[in-house]
N, C-alpha and C. Protein backbone atom coordinates (compact mmCIF):
# COMPACT_ATOMS: atom_id res chain seq x y z
N MET A 1 -0.19 62.81 70.00
CA MET A 1 -1.47 62.50 70.44
C MET A 1 -1.72 62.73 71.87
N ASN A 2 -2.73 62.92 72.50
CA ASN A 2 -2.86 63.01 73.86
C ASN A 2 -3.19 61.68 74.36
N ALA A 3 -3.21 61.96 76.19
CA ALA A 3 -3.29 60.67 76.43
C ALA A 3 -4.84 59.93 76.84
N MET A 4 -6.19 60.96 76.19
CA MET A 4 -7.54 60.46 75.98
C MET A 4 -6.95 59.71 74.78
N SER A 5 -6.26 60.10 73.84
CA SER A 5 -6.99 59.69 72.80
C SER A 5 -6.92 57.85 72.57
N PRO A 6 -7.67 57.50 71.48
CA PRO A 6 -7.31 55.32 71.27
C PRO A 6 -6.05 55.25 70.98
N PRO A 7 -5.31 53.97 70.63
CA PRO A 7 -3.98 53.64 70.43
C PRO A 7 -4.94 53.59 68.50
N GLN A 8 -4.04 53.84 67.62
CA GLN A 8 -3.94 54.40 66.41
C GLN A 8 -3.98 52.47 66.25
N GLN A 9 -4.79 52.45 64.64
CA GLN A 9 -5.05 50.71 64.83
C GLN A 9 -5.05 51.10 62.84
N THR A 10 -4.70 50.16 62.31
CA THR A 10 -4.70 49.94 60.90
C THR A 10 -6.35 48.87 60.63
N LEU A 11 -7.31 48.86 60.24
CA LEU A 11 -8.43 48.10 60.39
C LEU A 11 -8.44 47.98 58.57
N PRO A 12 -8.75 46.68 58.36
CA PRO A 12 -8.95 45.97 57.50
C PRO A 12 -10.28 46.79 55.97
N SER A 13 -9.41 46.85 55.06
CA SER A 13 -10.14 47.16 54.00
C SER A 13 -10.41 46.79 53.12
N HIS A 14 -12.12 47.05 52.49
CA HIS A 14 -12.60 45.72 51.18
C HIS A 14 -13.54 46.81 50.69
N ASP A 15 -12.59 46.53 49.06
CA ASP A 15 -13.62 47.66 48.31
C ASP A 15 -14.81 46.70 47.71
N ALA A 16 -15.76 47.58 48.16
CA ALA A 16 -17.38 47.30 47.51
C ALA A 16 -17.76 46.60 46.54
N ARG A 17 -17.14 47.16 45.35
CA ARG A 17 -17.43 46.29 43.91
C ARG A 17 -15.92 45.01 44.21
N THR A 18 -15.39 44.54 44.81
CA THR A 18 -14.45 43.39 45.01
C THR A 18 -15.73 42.31 45.62
N LEU A 19 -15.80 43.07 46.37
CA LEU A 19 -16.78 42.02 47.36
C LEU A 19 -18.61 41.54 46.36
N THR A 20 -18.78 42.64 45.59
CA THR A 20 -19.79 42.16 44.69
C THR A 20 -19.86 41.36 43.41
N GLY A 21 -18.46 41.76 43.27
CA GLY A 21 -17.70 40.87 42.47
C GLY A 21 -18.06 41.69 41.06
N GLY A 22 -18.14 42.79 41.48
CA GLY A 22 -18.31 43.62 39.77
C GLY A 22 -19.69 43.66 39.80
N GLY A 23 -20.56 43.12 40.55
CA GLY A 23 -22.82 43.60 40.22
C GLY A 23 -22.63 44.50 41.18
N VAL A 24 -23.96 44.15 41.93
CA VAL A 24 -24.52 45.24 43.04
C VAL A 24 -24.83 44.59 44.39
N GLN A 25 -24.50 43.14 44.63
CA GLN A 25 -25.26 42.72 45.63
C GLN A 25 -23.70 41.48 46.17
N ALA A 26 -24.03 41.91 47.73
CA ALA A 26 -23.31 40.74 48.42
C ALA A 26 -23.96 39.88 49.10
N VAL A 27 -23.19 38.37 49.81
CA VAL A 27 -23.85 38.11 50.73
C VAL A 27 -22.70 37.88 51.98
N ILE A 28 -23.44 38.40 53.11
CA ILE A 28 -21.99 38.60 54.09
C ILE A 28 -22.98 37.60 55.08
N GLU A 29 -21.84 36.19 55.57
CA GLU A 29 -22.57 35.45 56.36
C GLU A 29 -21.40 35.50 58.19
N LEU A 30 -22.56 35.86 58.98
CA LEU A 30 -22.03 36.31 60.01
C LEU A 30 -22.91 35.34 61.16
N ASP A 31 -22.06 34.69 61.94
CA ASP A 31 -22.89 33.55 62.87
C ASP A 31 -24.07 32.90 62.73
N GLY A 32 -23.85 32.33 61.43
CA GLY A 32 -25.01 31.81 60.79
C GLY A 32 -25.74 32.46 60.40
N GLN A 33 -26.09 33.79 60.15
CA GLN A 33 -26.94 35.06 59.86
C GLN A 33 -26.27 35.51 58.44
N MET A 34 -27.71 35.35 57.31
CA MET A 34 -27.12 35.81 55.96
C MET A 34 -27.57 37.60 56.11
N TYR A 35 -26.72 38.43 55.24
CA TYR A 35 -26.88 39.81 55.55
C TYR A 35 -26.22 39.73 53.92
N PHE A 36 -27.15 40.86 53.20
CA PHE A 36 -27.20 41.05 52.08
C PHE A 36 -26.62 42.63 51.72
N LEU A 37 -25.36 43.29 51.01
CA LEU A 37 -24.97 44.29 50.92
C LEU A 37 -25.20 44.73 49.71
N ARG A 38 -25.71 45.77 49.44
CA ARG A 38 -25.77 46.44 48.08
C ARG A 38 -25.70 47.34 47.77
N ILE A 39 -25.03 47.48 46.55
CA ILE A 39 -24.86 49.31 45.81
C ILE A 39 -26.01 49.36 45.28
N THR A 40 -26.58 51.32 45.59
CA THR A 40 -27.91 51.89 45.39
C THR A 40 -27.21 52.31 43.52
N ARG A 41 -28.05 52.91 42.54
CA ARG A 41 -27.53 53.47 42.00
C ARG A 41 -27.16 54.85 41.94
N ALA A 42 -27.15 55.53 42.73
CA ALA A 42 -26.65 56.28 43.62
C ALA A 42 -25.51 56.05 44.41
N GLY A 43 -25.01 54.89 44.31
CA GLY A 43 -23.87 54.56 44.38
C GLY A 43 -23.19 54.91 45.89
N LYS A 44 -24.51 54.36 46.95
CA LYS A 44 -24.55 54.60 47.94
C LYS A 44 -24.45 52.93 48.56
N LEU A 45 -24.23 52.49 49.99
CA LEU A 45 -24.32 51.16 50.23
C LEU A 45 -25.72 50.57 51.19
N ILE A 46 -26.08 49.86 51.65
CA ILE A 46 -27.14 49.36 52.11
C ILE A 46 -27.19 47.74 52.58
N LEU A 47 -26.78 48.16 53.84
CA LEU A 47 -26.57 46.72 54.51
C LEU A 47 -27.87 45.81 54.65
N THR A 48 -28.91 44.81 54.71
CA THR A 48 -29.65 44.47 55.32
C THR A 48 -30.22 42.92 55.77
N LYS A 49 -30.62 42.41 56.73
CA LYS A 49 -30.63 41.00 56.60
C LYS A 49 -31.99 40.27 56.25
């Protein structure tokens, strides 16, 4: 690691299928705003407000 690299940190990890309860959609709240997480048929994630 050189002096310019940011420090290593462990980021929280969440399985998308767990977040959706085995379905294809979940609601995520942030500061009173609701966001919708959707798993597409192609296996991609879409997050919308």
